[in-house]
Amino acid sequence: MYHVIYMVADYEPWWQFEGWEEQIEQRMSYTTENEANEALQALIMKFKAMYDHEQTKEQYNVFWSDDEIVYCEACEDDAQIYHGLFIIKD
């Protein structure tokens, strides 16, 4: 199975810090890699229209807007919210 993952966190998806799975907002499952890639590309196009910024690193795609900020108590500062998209295989 291939899974398109949509996660929302105050870090880019390629970091995958401990507990990153808790940041998953949606997991879409597909039987073929082609189906998963098509679904991912459709989401990427949708997110490009929704967010001001984007970046790709390896297989990870991240989107964000400057006005989507939360206060981070641990770092005592504002933290940017990122919307990550990628595929995992199990």
N, C-alpha and C. Protein backbone atom coordinates (compact mmCIF):
# COMPACT_ATOMS: atom_id res chain seq x y z
N MET A 1 0.84 -1.19 0.00
CA MET A 1 0.00 0.00 0.00
C MET A 1 0.88 1.25 0.00
N TYR A 2 0.37 2.26 -0.66
CA TYR A 2 1.01 3.57 -0.69
C TYR A 2 0.07 4.54 0.01
N HIS A 3 0.64 5.42 0.81
CA HIS A 3 -0.16 6.36 1.59
C HIS A 3 0.31 7.78 1.30
N VAL A 4 -0.63 8.62 0.89
CA VAL A 4 -0.37 10.05 0.76
C VAL A 4 -0.66 10.65 2.13
N ILE A 5 0.35 11.29 2.69
CA ILE A 5 0.25 11.86 4.03
C ILE A 5 0.14 13.38 3.95
N TYR A 6 -0.84 13.91 4.67
CA TYR A 6 -0.96 15.36 4.86
C TYR A 6 -0.78 15.61 6.34
N MET A 7 0.26 16.37 6.68
CA MET A 7 0.51 16.68 8.09
C MET A 7 0.62 18.19 8.27
N VAL A 8 0.27 18.64 9.47
CA VAL A 8 0.36 20.05 9.83
C VAL A 8 1.19 20.12 11.11
N ALA A 9 2.27 20.91 11.06
CA ALA A 9 3.17 21.00 12.21
C ALA A 9 3.92 22.32 12.18
N ASP A 10 4.63 22.60 13.25
CA ASP A 10 5.45 23.81 13.29
C ASP A 10 6.89 23.51 12.85
N TYR A 11 7.04 22.51 12.00
CA TYR A 11 8.32 22.17 11.38
C TYR A 11 8.04 21.51 10.03
N GLU A 12 9.03 21.55 9.15
CA GLU A 12 8.88 20.95 7.83
C GLU A 12 8.82 19.43 7.95
N PRO A 13 8.10 18.77 7.03
CA PRO A 13 7.87 17.33 7.16
C PRO A 13 9.12 16.47 7.07
N TRP A 14 10.17 16.94 6.43
CA TRP A 14 11.37 16.12 6.30
C TRP A 14 12.10 15.92 7.62
N TRP A 15 11.80 16.72 8.62
CA TRP A 15 12.46 16.53 9.93
C TRP A 15 11.93 15.29 10.64
N GLN A 16 10.68 14.99 10.50
CA GLN A 16 10.05 13.82 11.13
C GLN A 16 10.57 13.59 12.56
N PHE A 17 10.42 14.62 13.37
CA PHE A 17 10.79 14.52 14.78
C PHE A 17 10.00 13.41 15.45
N GLU A 18 10.47 12.96 16.60
CA GLU A 18 9.77 11.92 17.35
C GLU A 18 8.32 12.35 17.56
N GLY A 19 7.40 11.44 17.28
CA GLY A 19 5.98 11.74 17.42
C GLY A 19 5.37 12.44 16.21
N TRP A 20 6.10 12.51 15.10
CA TRP A 20 5.59 13.23 13.93
C TRP A 20 4.26 12.66 13.44
N GLU A 21 4.04 11.37 13.68
CA GLU A 21 2.80 10.74 13.22
C GLU A 21 1.57 11.39 13.86
N GLU A 22 1.75 11.97 15.03
CA GLU A 22 0.63 12.65 15.71
C GLU A 22 0.20 13.91 14.97
N GLN A 23 1.04 14.40 14.07
CA GLN A 23 0.73 15.62 13.31
C GLN A 23 -0.02 15.32 12.01
N ILE A 24 -0.27 14.04 11.73
CA ILE A 24 -0.97 13.67 10.50
C ILE A 24 -2.43 14.11 10.59
N GLU A 25 -2.84 14.88 9.60
CA GLU A 25 -4.23 15.33 9.49
C GLU A 25 -5.05 14.38 8.64
N GLN A 26 -4.39 13.80 7.63
CA GLN A 26 -5.10 12.92 6.72
C GLN A 26 -4.12 11.91 6.11
N ARG A 27 -4.58 10.67 5.99
CA ARG A 27 -3.80 9.60 5.35
C ARG A 27 -4.71 8.96 4.31
N MET A 28 -4.31 9.05 3.05
CA MET A 28 -5.09 8.49 1.94
C MET A 28 -4.33 7.29 1.40
N SER A 29 -4.98 6.15 1.30
CA SER A 29 -4.31 4.90 0.92
C SER A 29 -4.66 4.49 -0.51
N TYR A 30 -3.63 3.98 -1.20
CA TYR A 30 -3.78 3.55 -2.59
C TYR A 30 -3.04 2.24 -2.80
N THR A 31 -3.52 1.44 -3.73
CA THR A 31 -2.89 0.14 -3.97
C THR A 31 -1.68 0.24 -4.89
N THR A 32 -1.64 1.26 -5.75
CA THR A 32 -0.50 1.39 -6.66
C THR A 32 0.24 2.71 -6.44
N GLU A 33 1.50 2.70 -6.79
CA GLU A 33 2.31 3.91 -6.69
C GLU A 33 1.78 5.00 -7.62
N ASN A 34 1.32 4.60 -8.79
CA ASN A 34 0.79 5.56 -9.75
C ASN A 34 -0.44 6.29 -9.20
N GLU A 35 -1.35 5.56 -8.58
CA GLU A 35 -2.54 6.18 -7.97
C GLU A 35 -2.13 7.17 -6.89
N ALA A 36 -1.18 6.78 -6.06
CA ALA A 36 -0.71 7.66 -4.99
C ALA A 36 -0.06 8.92 -5.56
N ASN A 37 0.76 8.76 -6.60
CA ASN A 37 1.41 9.92 -7.22
C ASN A 37 0.39 10.87 -7.84
N GLU A 38 -0.63 10.32 -8.47
CA GLU A 38 -1.68 11.17 -9.06
C GLU A 38 -2.41 11.95 -7.97
N ALA A 39 -2.73 11.29 -6.87
CA ALA A 39 -3.41 11.96 -5.76
C ALA A 39 -2.52 13.03 -5.15
N LEU A 40 -1.24 12.72 -4.99
CA LEU A 40 -0.29 13.69 -4.44
C LEU A 40 -0.19 14.92 -5.35
N GLN A 41 -0.07 14.71 -6.65
CA GLN A 41 0.05 15.83 -7.58
C GLN A 41 -1.20 16.71 -7.56
N ALA A 42 -2.37 16.10 -7.42
CA ALA A 42 -3.61 16.88 -7.33
C ALA A 42 -3.61 17.74 -6.07
N LEU A 43 -3.16 17.18 -4.96
CA LEU A 43 -3.08 17.95 -3.71
C LEU A 43 -2.05 19.06 -3.82
N ILE A 44 -0.92 18.79 -4.44
CA ILE A 44 0.11 19.82 -4.62
C ILE A 44 -0.46 21.00 -5.40
N MET A 45 -1.18 20.73 -6.47
CA MET A 45 -1.78 21.82 -7.25
C MET A 45 -2.78 22.61 -6.40
N LYS A 46 -3.58 21.93 -5.61
CA LYS A 46 -4.55 22.58 -4.73
C LYS A 46 -3.82 23.46 -3.71
N PHE A 47 -2.77 22.93 -3.09
CA PHE A 47 -2.05 23.66 -2.06
C PHE A 47 -1.29 24.85 -2.64
N LYS A 48 -0.79 24.73 -3.86
CA LYS A 48 -0.11 25.86 -4.51
C LYS A 48 -1.04 27.06 -4.62
N ALA A 49 -2.32 26.79 -4.84
CA ALA A 49 -3.30 27.87 -4.95
C ALA A 49 -3.70 28.43 -3.59
N MET A 50 -3.52 27.64 -2.54
CA MET A 50 -3.98 28.04 -1.20
C MET A 50 -2.92 28.76 -0.37
N TYR A 51 -1.65 28.47 -0.60
CA TYR A 51 -0.58 28.98 0.28
C TYR A 51 0.39 29.86 -0.50
N ASP A 52 1.01 30.80 0.22
CA ASP A 52 1.92 31.77 -0.39
C ASP A 52 3.28 31.19 -0.75
N HIS A 53 3.73 30.20 0.00
CA HIS A 53 5.09 29.67 -0.18
C HIS A 53 5.06 28.16 -0.32
N GLU A 54 6.07 27.65 -1.00
CA GLU A 54 6.23 26.20 -1.12
C GLU A 54 7.71 25.85 -1.21
N GLN A 55 8.02 24.65 -0.80
CA GLN A 55 9.39 24.15 -0.90
C GLN A 55 9.32 22.63 -1.03
N THR A 56 10.25 22.08 -1.78
CA THR A 56 10.35 20.63 -1.94
C THR A 56 11.74 20.20 -1.55
N LYS A 57 11.81 19.14 -0.77
CA LYS A 57 13.09 18.56 -0.38
C LYS A 57 12.93 17.05 -0.44
N GLU A 58 13.73 16.42 -1.32
CA GLU A 58 13.60 14.99 -1.57
C GLU A 58 12.15 14.70 -1.96
N GLN A 59 11.48 13.78 -1.27
CA GLN A 59 10.10 13.45 -1.64
C GLN A 59 9.07 14.26 -0.85
N TYR A 60 9.51 15.23 -0.07
CA TYR A 60 8.62 15.99 0.80
C TYR A 60 8.26 17.34 0.17
N ASN A 61 6.99 17.70 0.26
CA ASN A 61 6.49 18.98 -0.22
C ASN A 61 5.91 19.72 0.98
N VAL A 62 6.23 21.01 1.09
CA VAL A 62 5.72 21.79 2.22
C VAL A 62 5.19 23.12 1.70
N PHE A 63 4.12 23.58 2.33
CA PHE A 63 3.45 24.82 1.96
C PHE A 63 3.18 25.62 3.23
N TRP A 64 3.21 26.96 3.10
CA TRP A 64 2.89 27.80 4.25
C TRP A 64 2.55 29.21 3.80
N SER A 65 1.88 29.92 4.69
CA SER A 65 1.57 31.34 4.52
C SER A 65 2.12 32.07 5.73
N ASP A 66 2.63 33.27 5.49
CA ASP A 66 3.28 34.04 6.55
C ASP A 66 2.36 34.34 7.73
N ASP A 67 1.07 34.42 7.48
CA ASP A 67 0.14 34.78 8.55
C ASP A 67 -0.33 33.60 9.40
N GLU A 68 0.15 32.41 9.11
CA GLU A 68 -0.25 31.23 9.88
C GLU A 68 0.83 30.92 10.92
N ILE A 69 0.72 31.57 12.05
CA ILE A 69 1.73 31.52 13.11
C ILE A 69 1.05 31.09 14.41
N VAL A 70 1.76 30.32 15.23
CA VAL A 70 1.30 29.98 16.58
C VAL A 70 2.42 30.30 17.56
N TYR A 71 2.03 30.52 18.79
CA TYR A 71 3.04 30.79 19.81
C TYR A 71 3.58 29.47 20.34
N CYS A 72 4.89 29.35 20.38
CA CYS A 72 5.57 28.16 20.88
C CYS A 72 6.04 28.45 22.30
N GLU A 73 5.39 27.81 23.27
CA GLU A 73 5.76 28.04 24.67
C GLU A 73 7.15 27.54 24.99
N ALA A 74 7.54 26.40 24.42
CA ALA A 74 8.86 25.82 24.70
C ALA A 74 9.98 26.74 24.23
N CYS A 75 9.78 27.40 23.09
CA CYS A 75 10.84 28.28 22.58
C CYS A 75 10.56 29.76 22.86
N GLU A 76 9.43 30.04 23.47
CA GLU A 76 9.04 31.41 23.83
C GLU A 76 9.11 32.36 22.64
N ASP A 77 8.56 31.90 21.52
CA ASP A 77 8.59 32.70 20.30
C ASP A 77 7.47 32.21 19.38
N ASP A 78 7.21 32.96 18.33
CA ASP A 78 6.24 32.53 17.34
C ASP A 78 6.83 31.42 16.48
N ALA A 79 5.98 30.51 16.03
CA ALA A 79 6.41 29.41 15.17
C ALA A 79 5.52 29.36 13.94
N GLN A 80 6.16 29.18 12.80
CA GLN A 80 5.44 29.05 11.53
C GLN A 80 4.74 27.70 11.47
N ILE A 81 3.54 27.67 10.92
CA ILE A 81 2.82 26.41 10.69
C ILE A 81 3.07 25.97 9.25
N TYR A 82 3.42 24.70 9.08
CA TYR A 82 3.71 24.13 7.77
C TYR A 82 2.71 23.02 7.44
N HIS A 83 2.37 22.93 6.16
CA HIS A 83 1.47 21.90 5.65
C HIS A 83 2.30 21.00 4.75
N GLY A 84 2.52 19.77 5.20
CA GLY A 84 3.39 18.85 4.48
C GLY A 84 2.63 17.77 3.74
N LEU A 85 3.13 17.42 2.57
CA LEU A 85 2.57 16.35 1.75
C LEU A 85 3.69 15.42 1.30
N PHE A 86 3.47 14.12 1.42
CA PHE A 86 4.45 13.15 0.95
C PHE A 86 3.81 11.78 0.89
N ILE A 87 4.53 10.84 0.31
CA ILE A 87 4.06 9.46 0.17
C ILE A 87 4.95 8.54 0.99
N ILE A 88 4.31 7.60 1.70
CA ILE A 88 5.05 6.54 2.36
C ILE A 88 4.50 5.20 1.86
N LYS A 89 5.35 4.20 1.90
CA LYS A 89 4.96 2.86 1.46
C LYS A 89 5.10 1.91 2.64
N ASP A 90 4.10 1.03 2.80
CA ASP A 90 4.24 0.01 3.85
C ASP A 90 4.19 -1.38 3.27
